[in-house]
Amino acid sequence: MKISVVDNGGQWTHREWRVLKYLNVDADIIPNTTPGDEIIADGLVLSGGAPRISDEKLKLGRTDEYFQLDIPILGICVGAQYIARYFGGEAGSAQTPEYGKTTVYIKKENDLFIGLPEKIIAWESHNDEIKELGDEMEVLASSDDCPIQAFKHKIRKIYGLQFHPEVEHTEFGSKIFENFLKVCEVD
């Protein structure tokens, strides 16, 4: 199995890659300027990043093309915000930016959260957040200050996480990646 991590300039992009390597996955990091038709992978991770979704969308490269691929996609932080916007939702400045530890409440068991408790401690680092989802998406988790911490496409295998599962401070982060890999195996 091969998973490509799309680099959106995030401070933890290498951690996402490293978690996948620890899970014995053939993983690489590719720039977000990589044409979609050049990607050969069983799944994509859209990394977090420095660009503000509200006014720096162009810094997210060719990400639109990646939704034409018929493979599972996991967006983290700005990657999740991009997914939400692409599918008709809204993302922008958070009323309460989150940094550090927060409690995430899992509202719905799904592919990513199989085997996890109803609440987990997760690590945050965001000024922007997902404000609304399009009709094709559904909310999976929330926190006290961010009502959309996790979501998924209702039909396709596309997921978004506002929090960072790749950092050691997030409980069950490796398990979330393992669950994503199981989705990629089935595809």
C-alpha atoms as a PDB file:
ATOM      1  CA  MET A   1       0.000   0.000   0.000  1.00  0.00           C
ATOM      2  CA  LYS A   2       1.204   3.491  -0.833  1.00  0.00           C
ATOM      3  CA  ILE A   3       0.000   6.701   0.820  1.00  0.00           C
ATOM      4  CA  SER A   4       1.082  10.146  -0.359  1.00  0.00           C
ATOM      5  CA  VAL A   5       1.133  13.049   2.078  1.00  0.00           C
ATOM      6  CA  VAL A   6       0.390  16.297   0.233  1.00  0.00           C
ATOM      7  CA  ASP A   7       2.572  19.050   1.695  1.00  0.00           C
ATOM      8  CA  ASN A   8       0.606  22.237   2.357  1.00  0.00           C
ATOM      9  CA  GLY A   9       3.485  23.829   4.254  1.00  0.00           C
ATOM     10  CA  GLY A  10       2.452  22.505   7.648  1.00  0.00           C
ATOM     11  CA  GLN A  11       4.792  22.367  10.588  1.00  0.00           C
ATOM     12  CA  TRP A  12       3.833  18.724  11.187  1.00  0.00           C
ATOM     13  CA  THR A  13       3.747  17.330   7.629  1.00  0.00           C
ATOM     14  CA  HIS A  14       6.785  15.156   8.378  1.00  0.00           C
ATOM     15  CA  ARG A  15       5.051  13.800  11.472  1.00  0.00           C
ATOM     16  CA  GLU A  16       2.139  12.608   9.323  1.00  0.00           C
ATOM     17  CA  TRP A  17       4.636  10.866   7.046  1.00  0.00           C
ATOM     18  CA  ARG A  18       6.499   9.447  10.047  1.00  0.00           C
ATOM     19  CA  VAL A  19       3.342   7.987  11.628  1.00  0.00           C
ATOM     20  CA  LEU A  20       2.607   6.214   8.352  1.00  0.00           C
ATOM     21  CA  LYS A  21       6.189   4.897   8.209  1.00  0.00           C
ATOM     22  CA  TYR A  22       5.885   3.620  11.813  1.00  0.00           C
ATOM     23  CA  LEU A  23       2.767   1.776  10.650  1.00  0.00           C
ATOM     24  CA  ASN A  24       4.920   0.093   7.954  1.00  0.00           C
ATOM     25  CA  VAL A  25       3.330   1.934   5.055  1.00  0.00           C
ATOM     26  CA  ASP A  26       5.104   2.956   1.877  1.00  0.00           C
ATOM     27  CA  ALA A  27       4.612   6.717   2.267  1.00  0.00           C
ATOM     28  CA  ASP A  28       6.019   9.760   0.571  1.00  0.00           C
ATOM     29  CA  ILE A  29       5.597  13.518   0.777  1.00  0.00           C
ATOM     30  CA  ILE A  30       4.615  15.325  -2.405  1.00  0.00           C
ATOM     31  CA  PRO A  31       4.233  19.070  -3.056  1.00  0.00           C
ATOM     32  CA  ASN A  32       0.691  20.369  -3.456  1.00  0.00           C
ATOM     33  CA  THR A  33       1.682  21.466  -6.946  1.00  0.00           C
ATOM     34  CA  THR A  34       1.865  17.827  -8.100  1.00  0.00           C
ATOM     35  CA  PRO A  35      -0.612  17.258 -10.958  1.00  0.00           C
ATOM     36  CA  GLY A  36      -3.391  14.875  -9.973  1.00  0.00           C
ATOM     37  CA  ASP A  37      -2.754  12.596 -12.953  1.00  0.00           C
ATOM     38  CA  GLU A  38       0.817  12.026 -11.742  1.00  0.00           C
ATOM     39  CA  ILE A  39      -0.210  10.675  -8.335  1.00  0.00           C
ATOM     40  CA  ILE A  40       0.033   6.932  -7.907  1.00  0.00           C
ATOM     41  CA  ALA A  41      -1.200   6.081  -4.423  1.00  0.00           C
ATOM     42  CA  ASP A  42      -3.836   4.074  -2.570  1.00  0.00           C
ATOM     43  CA  GLY A  43      -4.737   7.090  -0.440  1.00  0.00           C
ATOM     44  CA  LEU A  44      -3.882  10.736   0.199  1.00  0.00           C
ATOM     45  CA  VAL A  45      -3.323  12.742   3.352  1.00  0.00           C
ATOM     46  CA  LEU A  46      -3.800  16.486   2.810  1.00  0.00           C
ATOM     47  CA  SER A  47      -1.492  17.967   5.428  1.00  0.00           C
ATOM     48  CA  GLY A  48      -2.134  20.905   7.649  1.00  0.00           C
ATOM     49  CA  GLY A  49      -0.373  24.085   6.678  1.00  0.00           C
ATOM     50  CA  ALA A  50       0.361  27.722   7.160  1.00  0.00           C
ATOM     51  CA  PRO A  51      -1.961  29.091   4.458  1.00  0.00           C
ATOM     52  CA  ARG A  52      -5.153  30.721   5.734  1.00  0.00           C
ATOM     53  CA  ILE A  53      -8.085  29.122   3.958  1.00  0.00           C
ATOM     54  CA  SER A  54      -9.903  32.451   3.994  1.00  0.00           C
ATOM     55  CA  ASP A  55      -7.419  34.391   1.878  1.00  0.00           C
ATOM     56  CA  GLU A  56      -4.531  32.157   0.737  1.00  0.00           C
ATOM     57  CA  LYS A  57      -6.320  29.371  -1.177  1.00  0.00           C
ATOM     58  CA  LEU A  58      -3.879  29.678  -4.084  1.00  0.00           C
ATOM     59  CA  LYS A  59      -1.071  28.486  -1.786  1.00  0.00           C
ATOM     60  CA  LEU A  60      -2.871  25.128  -1.656  1.00  0.00           C
ATOM     61  CA  GLY A  61      -1.755  24.335  -5.190  1.00  0.00           C
ATOM     62  CA  ARG A  62      -3.585  21.802  -7.307  1.00  0.00           C
ATOM     63  CA  THR A  63      -5.630  20.249  -4.523  1.00  0.00           C
ATOM     64  CA  ASP A  64      -8.860  20.529  -6.567  1.00  0.00           C
ATOM     65  CA  GLU A  65      -7.453  17.899  -8.939  1.00  0.00           C
ATOM     66  CA  TYR A  66      -7.026  15.359  -6.147  1.00  0.00           C
ATOM     67  CA  PHE A  67     -10.785  14.999  -5.691  1.00  0.00           C
ATOM     68  CA  GLN A  68     -10.979  13.586  -9.215  1.00  0.00           C
ATOM     69  CA  LEU A  69      -8.922  10.583  -8.051  1.00  0.00           C
ATOM     70  CA  ASP A  70     -10.896   7.559  -6.918  1.00  0.00           C
ATOM     71  CA  ILE A  71      -8.926   6.985  -3.705  1.00  0.00           C
ATOM     72  CA  PRO A  72      -9.562   7.734  -0.015  1.00  0.00           C
ATOM     73  CA  ILE A  73      -8.520  11.180   1.205  1.00  0.00           C
ATOM     74  CA  LEU A  74      -7.872  12.380   4.761  1.00  0.00           C
ATOM     75  CA  GLY A  75      -7.578  16.138   5.249  1.00  0.00           C
ATOM     76  CA  ILE A  76      -5.960  17.504   8.401  1.00  0.00           C
ATOM     77  CA  CYS A  77      -6.446  21.104   9.617  1.00  0.00           C
ATOM     78  CA  VAL A  78      -6.211  23.320   6.485  1.00  0.00           C
ATOM     79  CA  GLY A  79      -6.551  20.141   4.406  1.00  0.00           C
ATOM     80  CA  ALA A  80      -9.917  19.504   6.091  1.00  0.00           C
ATOM     81  CA  GLN A  81     -10.946  23.131   5.641  1.00  0.00           C
ATOM     82  CA  TYR A  82     -10.135  22.855   1.946  1.00  0.00           C
ATOM     83  CA  ILE A  83     -12.247  19.702   1.614  1.00  0.00           C
ATOM     84  CA  ALA A  84     -15.177  21.399   3.329  1.00  0.00           C
ATOM     85  CA  ARG A  85     -15.022  24.381   0.956  1.00  0.00           C
ATOM     86  CA  TYR A  86     -14.559  22.229  -2.132  1.00  0.00           C
ATOM     87  CA  PHE A  87     -17.764  20.332  -1.344  1.00  0.00           C
ATOM     88  CA  GLY A  88     -19.912  23.423  -0.749  1.00  0.00           C
ATOM     89  CA  GLY A  89     -19.180  24.249   2.890  1.00  0.00           C
ATOM     90  CA  GLU A  90     -17.605  27.278   4.503  1.00  0.00           C
ATOM     91  CA  ALA A  91     -14.332  27.777   6.349  1.00  0.00           C
ATOM     92  CA  GLY A  92     -12.861  30.957   7.751  1.00  0.00           C
ATOM     93  CA  SER A  93     -11.613  32.731  10.839  1.00  0.00           C
ATOM     94  CA  ALA A  94     -12.457  30.881  14.037  1.00  0.00           C
ATOM     95  CA  GLN A  95     -14.441  32.731  16.655  1.00  0.00           C
ATOM     96  CA  THR A  96     -12.122  31.090  19.191  1.00  0.00           C
ATOM     97  CA  PRO A  97      -8.817  29.922  17.661  1.00  0.00           C
ATOM     98  CA  GLU A  98      -7.599  26.734  19.311  1.00  0.00           C
ATOM     99  CA  TYR A  99      -4.020  25.963  20.277  1.00  0.00           C
ATOM    100  CA  GLY A 100      -2.920  23.051  22.388  1.00  0.00           C
ATOM    101  CA  LYS A 101      -5.051  20.516  24.196  1.00  0.00           C
ATOM    102  CA  THR A 102      -8.798  20.223  23.707  1.00  0.00           C
ATOM    103  CA  THR A 103     -11.425  17.575  24.293  1.00  0.00           C
ATOM    104  CA  VAL A 104     -13.009  16.206  21.120  1.00  0.00           C
ATOM    105  CA  TYR A 105     -16.415  14.550  21.422  1.00  0.00           C
ATOM    106  CA  ILE A 106     -17.044  11.797  18.909  1.00  0.00           C
ATOM    107  CA  LYS A 107     -20.698  12.045  17.913  1.00  0.00           C
ATOM    108  CA  LYS A 108     -20.853   9.214  15.428  1.00  0.00           C
ATOM    109  CA  GLU A 109     -18.835   6.035  15.114  1.00  0.00           C
ATOM    110  CA  ASN A 110     -17.413   5.755  11.625  1.00  0.00           C
ATOM    111  CA  ASP A 111     -14.457   4.372   9.691  1.00  0.00           C
ATOM    112  CA  LEU A 112     -11.900   6.704  11.317  1.00  0.00           C
ATOM    113  CA  PHE A 113     -13.064   6.377  14.920  1.00  0.00           C
ATOM    114  CA  ILE A 114     -13.649   2.619  15.201  1.00  0.00           C
ATOM    115  CA  GLY A 115     -12.380   1.431  18.585  1.00  0.00           C
ATOM    116  CA  LEU A 116     -12.120   4.926  20.122  1.00  0.00           C
ATOM    117  CA  PRO A 117     -13.946   6.193  23.213  1.00  0.00           C
ATOM    118  CA  GLU A 118     -16.662   8.860  22.954  1.00  0.00           C
ATOM    119  CA  LYS A 119     -14.207  11.601  23.877  1.00  0.00           C
ATOM    120  CA  ILE A 120     -10.499  12.014  23.286  1.00  0.00           C
ATOM    121  CA  ILE A 121      -7.850  14.617  24.024  1.00  0.00           C
ATOM    122  CA  ALA A 122      -6.578  16.128  20.783  1.00  0.00           C
ATOM    123  CA  TRP A 123      -3.978  18.722  19.847  1.00  0.00           C
ATOM    124  CA  GLU A 124      -5.101  21.858  18.008  1.00  0.00           C
ATOM    125  CA  SER A 125      -3.308  24.569  16.059  1.00  0.00           C
ATOM    126  CA  HIS A 126      -5.720  26.667  14.025  1.00  0.00           C
ATOM    127  CA  ASN A 127      -6.881  30.235  13.423  1.00  0.00           C
ATOM    128  CA  ASP A 128      -9.437  29.113  10.837  1.00  0.00           C
ATOM    129  CA  GLU A 129     -12.103  26.456  11.165  1.00  0.00           C
ATOM    130  CA  ILE A 130     -14.907  24.792   9.260  1.00  0.00           C
ATOM    131  CA  LYS A 131     -18.046  26.824   9.805  1.00  0.00           C
ATOM    132  CA  GLU A 132     -20.526  24.859   7.714  1.00  0.00           C
ATOM    133  CA  LEU A 133     -20.574  21.657   5.698  1.00  0.00           C
ATOM    134  CA  GLY A 134     -22.151  21.112   2.302  1.00  0.00           C
ATOM    135  CA  ASP A 135     -25.010  18.650   1.864  1.00  0.00           C
ATOM    136  CA  GLU A 136     -22.651  15.816   0.884  1.00  0.00           C
ATOM    137  CA  MET A 137     -20.872  15.871   4.252  1.00  0.00           C
ATOM    138  CA  GLU A 138     -21.761  14.911   7.819  1.00  0.00           C
ATOM    139  CA  VAL A 139     -20.275  15.932  11.187  1.00  0.00           C
ATOM    140  CA  LEU A 140     -18.507  13.182  13.145  1.00  0.00           C
ATOM    141  CA  ALA A 141     -16.975  15.049  16.101  1.00  0.00           C
ATOM    142  CA  SER A 142     -16.921  18.438  17.824  1.00  0.00           C
ATOM    143  CA  SER A 143     -15.298  20.309  20.701  1.00  0.00           C
ATOM    144  CA  ASP A 144     -16.587  23.028  23.026  1.00  0.00           C
ATOM    145  CA  ASP A 145     -15.168  25.790  20.811  1.00  0.00           C
ATOM    146  CA  CYS A 146     -15.314  24.119  17.383  1.00  0.00           C
ATOM    147  CA  PRO A 147     -18.555  22.435  16.305  1.00  0.00           C
ATOM    148  CA  ILE A 148     -16.945  20.638  13.347  1.00  0.00           C
ATOM    149  CA  GLN A 149     -13.808  18.829  14.526  1.00  0.00           C
ATOM    150  CA  ALA A 150     -14.297  15.882  12.168  1.00  0.00           C
ATOM    151  CA  PHE A 151     -16.495  15.098   9.188  1.00  0.00           C
ATOM    152  CA  LYS A 152     -16.852  12.716   6.276  1.00  0.00           C
ATOM    153  CA  HIS A 153     -18.369  12.581   2.843  1.00  0.00           C
ATOM    154  CA  LYS A 154     -21.661  10.668   2.947  1.00  0.00           C
ATOM    155  CA  ILE A 155     -20.774   8.483  -0.056  1.00  0.00           C
ATOM    156  CA  ARG A 156     -17.089   8.820  -0.937  1.00  0.00           C
ATOM    157  CA  LYS A 157     -14.167   7.890   1.327  1.00  0.00           C
ATOM    158  CA  ILE A 158     -13.182  11.476   2.081  1.00  0.00           C
ATOM    159  CA  TYR A 159     -12.597  12.618   5.680  1.00  0.00           C
ATOM    160  CA  GLY A 160     -11.575  15.798   7.445  1.00  0.00           C
ATOM    161  CA  LEU A 161     -10.046  16.402  10.883  1.00  0.00           C
ATOM    162  CA  GLN A 162      -9.607  19.888  12.324  1.00  0.00           C
ATOM    163  CA  PHE A 163      -7.288  18.508  15.024  1.00  0.00           C
ATOM    164  CA  HIS A 164      -3.866  16.915  14.520  1.00  0.00           C
ATOM    165  CA  PRO A 165      -3.802  13.105  14.927  1.00  0.00           C
ATOM    166  CA  GLU A 166      -0.113  12.967  13.965  1.00  0.00           C
ATOM    167  CA  VAL A 167       1.206  14.558  17.161  1.00  0.00           C
ATOM    168  CA  GLU A 168       1.895  12.491  20.253  1.00  0.00           C
ATOM    169  CA  HIS A 169      -0.358  14.691  22.402  1.00  0.00           C
ATOM    170  CA  THR A 170      -3.461  13.504  20.526  1.00  0.00           C
ATOM    171  CA  GLU A 171      -4.887  10.369  22.121  1.00  0.00           C
ATOM    172  CA  PHE A 172      -5.440   7.518  19.672  1.00  0.00           C
ATOM    173  CA  GLY A 173      -3.797   9.430  16.826  1.00  0.00           C
ATOM    174  CA  SER A 174      -2.030   6.331  15.497  1.00  0.00           C
ATOM    175  CA  LYS A 175      -5.308   4.409  15.744  1.00  0.00           C
ATOM    176  CA  ILE A 176      -7.018   7.047  13.580  1.00  0.00           C
ATOM    177  CA  PHE A 177      -4.276   6.600  10.962  1.00  0.00           C
ATOM    178  CA  GLU A 178      -4.604   2.796  11.230  1.00  0.00           C
ATOM    179  CA  ASN A 179      -8.335   3.098  10.640  1.00  0.00           C
ATOM    180  CA  PHE A 180      -7.705   5.302   7.594  1.00  0.00           C
ATOM    181  CA  LEU A 181      -5.299   2.683   6.241  1.00  0.00           C
ATOM    182  CA  LYS A 182      -8.018   0.027   6.591  1.00  0.00           C
ATOM    183  CA  VAL A 183     -10.273   2.224   4.453  1.00  0.00           C
ATOM    184  CA  CYS A 184      -7.486   2.429   1.866  1.00  0.00           C
ATOM    185  CA  GLU A 185      -7.026  -1.363   1.889  1.00  0.00           C
ATOM    186  CA  VAL A 186     -10.673  -1.948   1.068  1.00  0.00           C
ATOM    187  CA  ASP A 187     -10.596   0.437  -1.865  1.00  0.00           C
END
